[in-house]
């Protein structure tokens, strides 16, 4: 009898698992939330099972995310004319990016130079500091003899 119960239980759990897998990660999350609402140990067990079986980090959602990287700019489309056009466009865009980056670098250098020049002008205009004035005075502990 124990074997019959285990087989029936496994098949029910197996079918439930397959049903949830067919509906994706959202169904697993909904089942976990429902488990927490109905009886918290059930929700906790589902959460532990999802983490242990790596369902949280794989499945349909993970394969959708990986598909973003399948169409890289260097993948051939199979059409030589289009691939040549794409390569030329990418080369032109790379040149434009390089020239823009050098333009930005020149702008930064010009801005830095202007800021430094402004600092030097402000420094030349400001009056002598107290440190310069103090150097002319005798030290407070110095004794003078007449």
Protein backbone atom coordinates (compact mmCIF):
# COMPACT_ATOMS: atom_id res chain seq x y z
CA UNK A 1 0.00 0.00 0.00
CA UNK A 2 2.81 2.36 0.73
CA UNK A 3 4.21 1.82 -2.76
CA UNK A 4 0.85 2.51 -4.38
CA UNK A 5 0.49 5.74 -2.39
CA UNK A 6 4.03 6.83 -3.28
CA UNK A 7 3.44 6.14 -6.98
CA UNK A 8 0.12 7.99 -7.00
CA UNK A 9 1.63 10.84 -5.03
CA UNK A 10 4.63 11.05 -7.34
CA UNK A 11 2.48 11.02 -10.43
CA UNK A 12 0.23 13.78 -9.03
CA UNK A 13 3.24 15.84 -7.98
CA UNK A 14 4.94 15.09 -11.29
CA UNK A 15 1.88 16.21 -13.24
CA UNK A 16 1.58 19.35 -11.11
CA UNK A 17 5.26 20.10 -11.70
CA UNK A 18 4.88 19.60 -15.46
CA UNK A 19 1.75 21.78 -15.48
CA UNK A 20 3.57 24.60 -13.64
CA UNK A 21 6.64 24.22 -15.88
CA UNK A 22 4.44 24.56 -18.97
CA UNK A 23 3.10 27.87 -17.66
CA UNK A 24 6.49 29.31 -16.72
CA UNK A 25 8.08 31.00 -13.76
CA UNK A 26 5.01 33.14 -13.07
CA UNK A 27 2.96 30.04 -12.32
CA UNK A 28 5.61 28.80 -9.89
CA UNK A 29 5.66 32.17 -8.14
CA UNK A 30 1.85 32.25 -7.98
CA UNK A 31 1.81 28.72 -6.54
CA UNK A 32 4.40 29.71 -3.94
CA UNK A 33 2.44 32.80 -2.92
CA UNK A 34 -0.76 30.75 -2.74
CA UNK A 35 1.09 28.19 -0.62
CA UNK A 36 2.17 30.90 1.80
CA UNK A 37 -1.41 32.21 2.01
CA UNK A 38 -3.00 28.80 2.55
CA UNK A 39 -0.40 27.30 4.90
CA UNK A 40 3.01 28.91 5.25
CA UNK A 41 5.06 25.66 5.39
CA UNK A 42 3.67 24.73 1.95
CA UNK A 43 4.83 28.07 0.55
CA UNK A 44 8.19 27.66 2.21
CA UNK A 45 8.54 24.14 0.80
CA UNK A 46 7.67 25.36 -2.72
CA UNK A 47 10.17 28.21 -2.43
CA UNK A 48 12.89 25.83 -1.25
CA UNK A 49 12.07 23.44 -4.09
CA UNK A 50 12.20 26.25 -6.66
CA UNK A 51 15.63 27.35 -5.43
CA UNK A 52 16.97 23.80 -5.04
CA UNK A 53 15.81 22.72 -8.51
CA UNK A 54 17.08 25.99 -10.01
CA UNK A 55 13.66 26.85 -11.41
CA UNK A 56 14.10 30.38 -10.09
CA UNK A 57 17.07 30.97 -12.37
CA UNK A 58 16.30 28.87 -15.43
CA UNK A 59 13.43 27.88 -17.63
CA UNK A 60 11.48 29.94 -20.11
CA UNK A 61 12.41 33.32 -18.62
CA UNK A 62 16.13 32.56 -18.72
CA UNK A 63 15.97 31.30 -22.29
CA UNK A 64 14.15 34.48 -23.34
CA UNK A 65 16.91 36.57 -21.81
CA UNK A 66 19.60 34.55 -23.53
CA UNK A 67 17.92 35.02 -26.90
CA UNK A 68 18.70 38.75 -26.74
CA UNK A 69 22.35 37.95 -27.33
CA UNK A 70 21.84 35.64 -30.29
CA UNK A 71 21.58 38.48 -32.81
CA UNK A 72 25.01 39.98 -32.39
CA UNK A 73 26.15 42.57 -34.93
CA UNK A 74 28.73 40.16 -36.32
CA UNK A 75 26.37 37.29 -37.03
CA UNK A 76 25.83 36.68 -40.72
CA UNK A 77 22.32 37.08 -42.05
CA UNK A 78 23.01 34.85 -45.04
CA UNK A 79 22.59 37.72 -47.51
CA UNK A 80 26.00 38.96 -48.69
CA UNK A 81 24.75 42.34 -49.87
CA UNK A 82 23.08 43.04 -46.55
CA UNK A 83 26.11 41.78 -44.62
CA UNK A 84 28.39 44.11 -46.63
CA UNK A 85 26.03 47.04 -45.99
CA UNK A 86 25.90 46.17 -42.28
CA UNK A 87 29.71 45.91 -42.06
CA UNK A 88 30.14 49.27 -43.82
CA UNK A 89 27.56 50.93 -41.57
CA UNK A 90 29.17 49.50 -38.44
CA UNK A 91 32.61 50.66 -39.64
CA UNK A 92 31.25 54.16 -40.32
CA UNK A 93 29.55 54.28 -36.93
CA UNK A 94 32.77 53.16 -35.23
CA UNK A 95 34.68 55.97 -36.98
CA UNK A 96 32.04 58.49 -35.93
CA UNK A 97 32.20 57.23 -32.35
CA UNK A 98 35.99 57.54 -32.34
CA UNK A 99 35.90 61.07 -33.75
CA UNK A 100 33.19 62.06 -31.24
CA UNK A 101 35.24 60.65 -28.37
CA UNK A 102 38.31 62.62 -29.53
CA UNK A 103 36.12 65.74 -29.81
CA UNK A 104 34.93 65.21 -26.23
CA UNK A 105 38.53 64.75 -25.10
CA UNK A 106 39.51 68.06 -26.75
CA UNK A 107 36.54 69.73 -25.06
CA UNK A 108 37.59 68.37 -21.67
CA UNK A 109 41.16 69.56 -22.19
CA UNK A 110 39.96 73.03 -23.24
CA UNK A 111 37.65 73.22 -20.23
CA UNK A 112 40.45 72.12 -17.89
CA UNK A 113 42.80 74.72 -19.38
CA UNK A 114 40.16 77.46 -19.06
CA UNK A 115 39.51 76.51 -15.43
CA UNK A 116 43.23 76.48 -14.66
CA UNK A 117 43.73 79.87 -16.36
CA UNK A 118 40.82 81.28 -14.35
CA UNK A 119 42.39 79.92 -11.16
CA UNK A 120 45.72 81.54 -11.98
CA UNK A 121 44.03 84.89 -12.73
CA UNK A 122 42.10 84.77 -9.45
CA UNK A 123 45.27 83.86 -7.58
CA UNK A 124 47.19 86.79 -9.11
CA UNK A 125 44.39 89.25 -8.27
CA UNK A 126 43.93 88.28 -4.62
CA UNK A 127 45.81 90.30 -1.99
CA UNK A 128 48.79 88.96 -0.10
CA UNK A 129 47.80 86.33 2.40
CA UNK A 130 48.27 86.53 6.12
CA UNK A 131 51.16 84.08 5.85
CA UNK A 132 53.07 86.57 3.69
CA UNK A 133 52.32 89.43 6.13
CA UNK A 134 53.35 87.35 9.16
CA UNK A 135 56.82 86.70 7.78
CA UNK A 136 57.72 90.39 8.27
CA UNK A 137 56.77 90.41 11.97
CA UNK A 138 59.10 89.14 14.67
CA UNK A 139 58.19 85.95 16.43
CA UNK A 140 56.09 86.50 19.59
CA UNK A 141 58.70 84.86 21.86
CA UNK A 142 61.66 86.73 20.43
CA UNK A 143 63.41 89.09 22.83
CA UNK A 144 64.70 92.38 21.60
CA UNK A 145 67.66 94.12 23.11
CA UNK A 146 68.15 97.84 22.88
